[in-house]
Amino acid sequence: MKTIKNDYCIRQFVGSDTLRPAMAKVNFQDGYLYSTDAYIAAKIKADLCVHNYIEVEKYPNVKRVFIEHKSIEKKTVTVDTLFNDLMRIECCFKPKMIDCDNCNGDGVFTCEHCGSEYDCKECGGTGKTKSNELELTNEHDCFLFNKKYKLKYLDLIIRTAVYTGVKEIKISNSKGTNGTLFSVGGFFILLMPLYS
């Protein structure tokens, strides 16, 4: 069904890497919308979204990644089951770390008077400071269906299901470290597992 919620969800998967600006947008290609940050990719039929999108120049060939997915096992889980399994993992929301404005993420500050270098007082020499934005994190690996994933990406998949009112998610695993395909209503979401 065409709904603005689909627009909201497809935009969750865009990248934020300043070195890859094309991935910061939703791409229209062959009747589908694609978004990715290189670890997770989502696609949905364009006519299920309200806004119009255009083809993004120099966008990675995400369509091919979906086409090349070869399933070796399939499972269907309820959103409630997946949500409950994830809640067993000790996780919390912590401030998202961003590059320090004072030292531009270098962690080193140069004295304007004598030219000597010292650790940035703002970030303590780490190059990172806390932002106002929170992100879901955990201190442990997140294993699901015998593969290890970043918790924040599984959270995006669950959010997509909750926002769109989907009750079941179909999961298609591929061999080894190849991606896992999650079918969430009209969305197809391909998530790359972490290396063990």
C-alpha atoms as a PDB file:
ATOM      1  CA  MET A   1       0.000   0.000   0.000  1.00  0.00           C
ATOM      2  CA  LYS A   2       1.248   3.490  -0.896  1.00  0.00           C
ATOM      3  CA  THR A   3       2.071   5.407   2.303  1.00  0.00           C
ATOM      4  CA  ILE A   4       4.397   8.117   3.573  1.00  0.00           C
ATOM      5  CA  LYS A   5       5.646   5.577   6.150  1.00  0.00           C
ATOM      6  CA  ASN A   6       7.446   3.772   3.312  1.00  0.00           C
ATOM      7  CA  ASP A   7       9.239   7.014   2.404  1.00  0.00           C
ATOM      8  CA  TYR A   8      10.309   7.401   6.018  1.00  0.00           C
ATOM      9  CA  CYS A   9      11.575   3.829   6.204  1.00  0.00           C
ATOM     10  CA  ILE A  10      13.571   3.822   2.947  1.00  0.00           C
ATOM     11  CA  ARG A  11      15.368   6.967   4.122  1.00  0.00           C
ATOM     12  CA  GLN A  12      16.545   5.193   7.296  1.00  0.00           C
ATOM     13  CA  PHE A  13      19.007   3.150   5.240  1.00  0.00           C
ATOM     14  CA  VAL A  14      20.917   5.947   3.485  1.00  0.00           C
ATOM     15  CA  GLY A  15      24.578   6.437   4.291  1.00  0.00           C
ATOM     16  CA  SER A  16      26.191   9.364   6.089  1.00  0.00           C
ATOM     17  CA  ASP A  17      29.783   8.953   4.847  1.00  0.00           C
ATOM     18  CA  THR A  18      30.930  12.321   3.474  1.00  0.00           C
ATOM     19  CA  LEU A  19      33.360  10.500   1.169  1.00  0.00           C
ATOM     20  CA  ARG A  20      30.416   8.726  -0.513  1.00  0.00           C
ATOM     21  CA  PRO A  21      27.832  11.512  -1.007  1.00  0.00           C
ATOM     22  CA  ALA A  22      25.775   9.518  -3.546  1.00  0.00           C
ATOM     23  CA  MET A  23      24.817   7.064  -0.787  1.00  0.00           C
ATOM     24  CA  ALA A  24      23.319   9.881   1.286  1.00  0.00           C
ATOM     25  CA  LYS A  25      20.288   9.800  -1.032  1.00  0.00           C
ATOM     26  CA  VAL A  26      17.556   7.400  -2.084  1.00  0.00           C
ATOM     27  CA  ASN A  27      18.135   6.175  -5.642  1.00  0.00           C
ATOM     28  CA  PHE A  28      15.393   5.476  -8.221  1.00  0.00           C
ATOM     29  CA  GLN A  29      16.183   2.701 -10.707  1.00  0.00           C
ATOM     30  CA  ASP A  30      13.900   0.566 -12.879  1.00  0.00           C
ATOM     31  CA  GLY A  31      10.751   1.228 -10.823  1.00  0.00           C
ATOM     32  CA  TYR A  32      12.426   0.579  -7.449  1.00  0.00           C
ATOM     33  CA  LEU A  33      13.935   2.764  -4.761  1.00  0.00           C
ATOM     34  CA  TYR A  34      17.277   1.774  -3.252  1.00  0.00           C
ATOM     35  CA  SER A  35      19.181   3.090  -0.264  1.00  0.00           C
ATOM     36  CA  THR A  36      22.401   1.836   1.296  1.00  0.00           C
ATOM     37  CA  ASP A  37      25.349   2.692   3.514  1.00  0.00           C
ATOM     38  CA  ALA A  38      27.418  -0.247   2.152  1.00  0.00           C
ATOM     39  CA  TYR A  39      26.612  -2.528   5.145  1.00  0.00           C
ATOM     40  CA  ILE A  40      22.853  -2.623   4.710  1.00  0.00           C
ATOM     41  CA  ALA A  41      20.726  -2.011   1.623  1.00  0.00           C
ATOM     42  CA  ALA A  42      16.979  -1.610   1.235  1.00  0.00           C
ATOM     43  CA  LYS A  43      14.709  -1.666  -1.777  1.00  0.00           C
ATOM     44  CA  ILE A  44      10.996  -1.092  -2.330  1.00  0.00           C
ATOM     45  CA  LYS A  45       8.787  -0.494  -5.365  1.00  0.00           C
ATOM     46  CA  ALA A  46       8.724   3.240  -6.059  1.00  0.00           C
ATOM     47  CA  ASP A  47       4.942   3.295  -6.432  1.00  0.00           C
ATOM     48  CA  LEU A  48       4.584   2.272  -2.756  1.00  0.00           C
ATOM     49  CA  CYS A  49       6.109   5.619  -1.714  1.00  0.00           C
ATOM     50  CA  VAL A  50       4.505   9.056  -1.837  1.00  0.00           C
ATOM     51  CA  HIS A  51       7.453  11.206  -2.930  1.00  0.00           C
ATOM     52  CA  ASN A  52       9.128  11.093  -6.328  1.00  0.00           C
ATOM     53  CA  TYR A  53      12.809  10.211  -6.440  1.00  0.00           C
ATOM     54  CA  ILE A  54      15.383  10.483  -9.222  1.00  0.00           C
ATOM     55  CA  GLU A  55      18.294   8.371 -10.359  1.00  0.00           C
ATOM     56  CA  VAL A  56      21.401   9.408  -8.441  1.00  0.00           C
ATOM     57  CA  GLU A  57      24.564   9.847 -10.465  1.00  0.00           C
ATOM     58  CA  LYS A  58      27.416   7.486  -9.464  1.00  0.00           C
ATOM     59  CA  TYR A  59      25.146   5.436  -7.201  1.00  0.00           C
ATOM     60  CA  PRO A  60      26.553   1.954  -6.429  1.00  0.00           C
ATOM     61  CA  ASN A  61      24.946  -0.984  -8.227  1.00  0.00           C
ATOM     62  CA  VAL A  62      22.744  -2.060  -5.328  1.00  0.00           C
ATOM     63  CA  LYS A  63      20.302  -3.738  -7.709  1.00  0.00           C
ATOM     64  CA  ARG A  64      22.993  -6.301  -8.598  1.00  0.00           C
ATOM     65  CA  VAL A  65      23.596  -7.162  -4.923  1.00  0.00           C
ATOM     66  CA  PHE A  66      19.938  -8.112  -4.542  1.00  0.00           C
ATOM     67  CA  ILE A  67      19.932 -10.102  -7.793  1.00  0.00           C
ATOM     68  CA  GLU A  68      23.064 -12.051  -6.790  1.00  0.00           C
ATOM     69  CA  HIS A  69      21.659 -13.122  -3.408  1.00  0.00           C
ATOM     70  CA  LYS A  70      21.540 -16.943  -3.380  1.00  0.00           C
ATOM     71  CA  SER A  71      19.423 -18.431  -0.624  1.00  0.00           C
ATOM     72  CA  ILE A  72      20.551 -21.614   1.132  1.00  0.00           C
ATOM     73  CA  GLU A  73      17.923 -21.499   3.902  1.00  0.00           C
ATOM     74  CA  LYS A  74      14.712 -19.613   4.587  1.00  0.00           C
ATOM     75  CA  LYS A  75      12.932 -18.834   7.832  1.00  0.00           C
ATOM     76  CA  THR A  76       9.898 -16.829   8.851  1.00  0.00           C
ATOM     77  CA  VAL A  77       9.793 -15.172  12.257  1.00  0.00           C
ATOM     78  CA  THR A  78       7.267 -12.949  13.924  1.00  0.00           C
ATOM     79  CA  VAL A  79       8.349  -9.406  14.665  1.00  0.00           C
ATOM     80  CA  ASP A  80       7.520 -10.021  18.341  1.00  0.00           C
ATOM     81  CA  THR A  81       9.848 -13.047  18.474  1.00  0.00           C
ATOM     82  CA  LEU A  82      12.690 -11.133  16.849  1.00  0.00           C
ATOM     83  CA  PHE A  83      12.101  -8.158  19.128  1.00  0.00           C
ATOM     84  CA  ASN A  84      12.081 -10.371  22.238  1.00  0.00           C
ATOM     85  CA  ASP A  85      15.295 -12.126  21.164  1.00  0.00           C
ATOM     86  CA  LEU A  86      17.046  -8.801  20.698  1.00  0.00           C
ATOM     87  CA  MET A  87      15.874  -7.500  24.053  1.00  0.00           C
ATOM     88  CA  ARG A  88      17.693 -10.381  25.749  1.00  0.00           C
ATOM     89  CA  ILE A  89      20.934  -8.807  24.569  1.00  0.00           C
ATOM     90  CA  GLU A  90      22.293  -6.296  27.023  1.00  0.00           C
ATOM     91  CA  CYS A  91      22.071  -3.073  25.095  1.00  0.00           C
ATOM     92  CA  CYS A  92      21.517   0.575  25.766  1.00  0.00           C
ATOM     93  CA  PHE A  93      21.269   3.933  24.085  1.00  0.00           C
ATOM     94  CA  LYS A  94      24.478   5.963  24.252  1.00  0.00           C
ATOM     95  CA  PRO A  95      25.409   9.330  22.742  1.00  0.00           C
ATOM     96  CA  LYS A  96      26.600   9.017  19.149  1.00  0.00           C
ATOM     97  CA  MET A  97      30.246  10.017  18.855  1.00  0.00           C
ATOM     98  CA  ILE A  98      31.178  12.570  16.187  1.00  0.00           C
ATOM     99  CA  ASP A  99      34.398  14.267  15.062  1.00  0.00           C
ATOM    100  CA  CYS A 100      35.530  16.948  17.491  1.00  0.00           C
ATOM    101  CA  ASP A 101      34.895  20.458  16.131  1.00  0.00           C
ATOM    102  CA  ASN A 102      37.875  21.891  18.012  1.00  0.00           C
ATOM    103  CA  CYS A 103      40.550  19.647  16.434  1.00  0.00           C
ATOM    104  CA  ASN A 104      38.605  18.465  13.331  1.00  0.00           C
ATOM    105  CA  GLY A 105      38.782  14.872  14.572  1.00  0.00           C
ATOM    106  CA  ASP A 106      42.585  14.747  14.730  1.00  0.00           C
ATOM    107  CA  GLY A 107      42.802  14.672  18.531  1.00  0.00           C
ATOM    108  CA  VAL A 108      45.767  17.037  18.339  1.00  0.00           C
ATOM    109  CA  PHE A 109      45.678  20.783  18.745  1.00  0.00           C
ATOM    110  CA  THR A 110      48.466  23.121  17.663  1.00  0.00           C
ATOM    111  CA  CYS A 111      49.205  26.188  19.756  1.00  0.00           C
ATOM    112  CA  GLU A 112      48.746  29.304  17.635  1.00  0.00           C
ATOM    113  CA  HIS A 113      51.505  31.112  19.558  1.00  0.00           C
ATOM    114  CA  CYS A 114      54.395  28.624  19.730  1.00  0.00           C
ATOM    115  CA  GLY A 115      53.375  25.930  17.217  1.00  0.00           C
ATOM    116  CA  SER A 116      53.712  23.054  19.702  1.00  0.00           C
ATOM    117  CA  GLU A 117      51.212  20.194  19.542  1.00  0.00           C
ATOM    118  CA  TYR A 118      49.213  18.808  22.441  1.00  0.00           C
ATOM    119  CA  ASP A 119      46.128  16.685  23.035  1.00  0.00           C
ATOM    120  CA  CYS A 120      42.925  18.558  22.301  1.00  0.00           C
ATOM    121  CA  LYS A 121      41.313  19.621  25.589  1.00  0.00           C
ATOM    122  CA  GLU A 122      37.801  19.359  24.125  1.00  0.00           C
ATOM    123  CA  CYS A 123      38.012  15.623  23.262  1.00  0.00           C
ATOM    124  CA  GLY A 124      40.980  14.561  25.416  1.00  0.00           C
ATOM    125  CA  GLY A 125      43.005  13.600  22.337  1.00  0.00           C
ATOM    126  CA  THR A 126      40.495  11.046  21.034  1.00  0.00           C
ATOM    127  CA  GLY A 127      39.236  13.161  18.132  1.00  0.00           C
ATOM    128  CA  LYS A 128      35.617  12.333  19.069  1.00  0.00           C
ATOM    129  CA  THR A 129      32.979  14.116  21.148  1.00  0.00           C
ATOM    130  CA  LYS A 130      29.435  13.207  22.169  1.00  0.00           C
ATOM    131  CA  SER A 131      26.599  14.484  20.003  1.00  0.00           C
ATOM    132  CA  ASN A 132      23.001  15.152  21.013  1.00  0.00           C
ATOM    133  CA  GLU A 133      21.906  12.094  19.003  1.00  0.00           C
ATOM    134  CA  LEU A 134      21.565   8.689  20.701  1.00  0.00           C
ATOM    135  CA  GLU A 135      22.394   5.343  19.101  1.00  0.00           C
ATOM    136  CA  LEU A 136      21.654   1.789  20.117  1.00  0.00           C
ATOM    137  CA  THR A 137      24.830   0.011  21.195  1.00  0.00           C
ATOM    138  CA  ASN A 138      25.867  -3.129  22.976  1.00  0.00           C
ATOM    139  CA  GLU A 139      29.044  -4.426  24.483  1.00  0.00           C
ATOM    140  CA  HIS A 140      28.606  -7.949  23.110  1.00  0.00           C
ATOM    141  CA  ASP A 141      28.331  -9.533  19.686  1.00  0.00           C
ATOM    142  CA  CYS A 142      24.821  -9.921  18.358  1.00  0.00           C
ATOM    143  CA  PHE A 143      24.291 -13.411  16.962  1.00  0.00           C
ATOM    144  CA  LEU A 144      21.078 -14.199  15.160  1.00  0.00           C
ATOM    145  CA  PHE A 145      20.501 -17.252  12.962  1.00  0.00           C
ATOM    146  CA  ASN A 146      24.163 -18.289  13.401  1.00  0.00           C
ATOM    147  CA  LYS A 147      25.511 -15.032  11.976  1.00  0.00           C
ATOM    148  CA  LYS A 148      26.920 -12.004  13.752  1.00  0.00           C
ATOM    149  CA  TYR A 149      25.372  -8.604  13.019  1.00  0.00           C
ATOM    150  CA  LYS A 150      25.675  -5.021  14.162  1.00  0.00           C
ATOM    151  CA  LEU A 151      22.798  -4.429  16.530  1.00  0.00           C
ATOM    152  CA  LYS A 152      21.923  -1.028  15.048  1.00  0.00           C
ATOM    153  CA  TYR A 153      21.054  -2.619  11.691  1.00  0.00           C
ATOM    154  CA  LEU A 154      18.766  -5.235  13.209  1.00  0.00           C
ATOM    155  CA  ASP A 155      17.111  -2.353  15.041  1.00  0.00           C
ATOM    156  CA  LEU A 156      16.456  -0.640  11.665  1.00  0.00           C
ATOM    157  CA  ILE A 157      14.824  -3.803  10.329  1.00  0.00           C
ATOM    158  CA  ILE A 158      12.554  -4.092  13.373  1.00  0.00           C
ATOM    159  CA  ARG A 159      11.682  -0.386  13.131  1.00  0.00           C
ATOM    160  CA  THR A 160      10.704  -0.848   9.497  1.00  0.00           C
ATOM    161  CA  ALA A 161       8.384  -3.709  10.474  1.00  0.00           C
ATOM    162  CA  VAL A 162       6.842  -1.764  13.357  1.00  0.00           C
ATOM    163  CA  TYR A 163       6.361   1.469  11.344  1.00  0.00           C
ATOM    164  CA  THR A 164       4.733  -0.378   8.447  1.00  0.00           C
ATOM    165  CA  GLY A 165       2.600  -2.708  10.607  1.00  0.00           C
ATOM    166  CA  VAL A 166       4.254  -5.941   9.440  1.00  0.00           C
ATOM    167  CA  LYS A 167       3.789  -8.933  11.767  1.00  0.00           C
ATOM    168  CA  GLU A 168       6.198 -11.433  10.123  1.00  0.00           C
ATOM    169  CA  ILE A 169       9.645 -11.135   8.585  1.00  0.00           C
ATOM    170  CA  LYS A 170      10.931 -13.623   6.036  1.00  0.00           C
ATOM    171  CA  ILE A 171      14.655 -14.278   6.280  1.00  0.00           C
ATOM    172  CA  SER A 172      16.809 -15.762   3.535  1.00  0.00           C
ATOM    173  CA  ASN A 173      20.354 -16.700   4.517  1.00  0.00           C
ATOM    174  CA  SER A 174      23.109 -17.096   1.979  1.00  0.00           C
ATOM    175  CA  LYS A 175      26.369 -18.996   2.268  1.00  0.00           C
ATOM    176  CA  GLY A 176      29.188 -17.864   4.559  1.00  0.00           C
ATOM    177  CA  THR A 177      29.662 -14.126   4.964  1.00  0.00           C
ATOM    178  CA  ASN A 178      27.325 -13.184   2.123  1.00  0.00           C
ATOM    179  CA  GLY A 179      24.339 -11.049   3.017  1.00  0.00           C
ATOM    180  CA  THR A 180      21.091 -12.069   4.656  1.00  0.00           C
ATOM    181  CA  LEU A 181      17.866 -10.935   2.985  1.00  0.00           C
ATOM    182  CA  PHE A 182      14.996  -9.764   5.193  1.00  0.00           C
ATOM    183  CA  SER A 183      11.567  -9.379   3.549  1.00  0.00           C
ATOM    184  CA  VAL A 184       9.575  -6.871   5.569  1.00  0.00           C
ATOM    185  CA  GLY A 185       6.229  -6.217   3.884  1.00  0.00           C
ATOM    186  CA  GLY A 186       7.092  -4.381   0.642  1.00  0.00           C
ATOM    187  CA  PHE A 187      10.723  -3.910   1.699  1.00  0.00           C
ATOM    188  CA  PHE A 188      13.648  -6.132   0.852  1.00  0.00           C
ATOM    189  CA  ILE A 189      16.576  -5.455   3.177  1.00  0.00           C
ATOM    190  CA  LEU A 190      19.985  -7.015   2.605  1.00  0.00           C
ATOM    191  CA  LEU A 191      22.261  -7.005   5.656  1.00  0.00           C
ATOM    192  CA  MET A 192      25.904  -7.981   5.639  1.00  0.00           C
ATOM    193  CA  PRO A 193      26.995 -10.026   8.668  1.00  0.00           C
ATOM    194  CA  LEU A 194      30.178  -9.281  10.563  1.00  0.00           C
ATOM    195  CA  TYR A 195      33.177 -11.556  10.271  1.00  0.00           C
ATOM    196  CA  SER A 196      33.465 -13.873  13.271  1.00  0.00           C
END
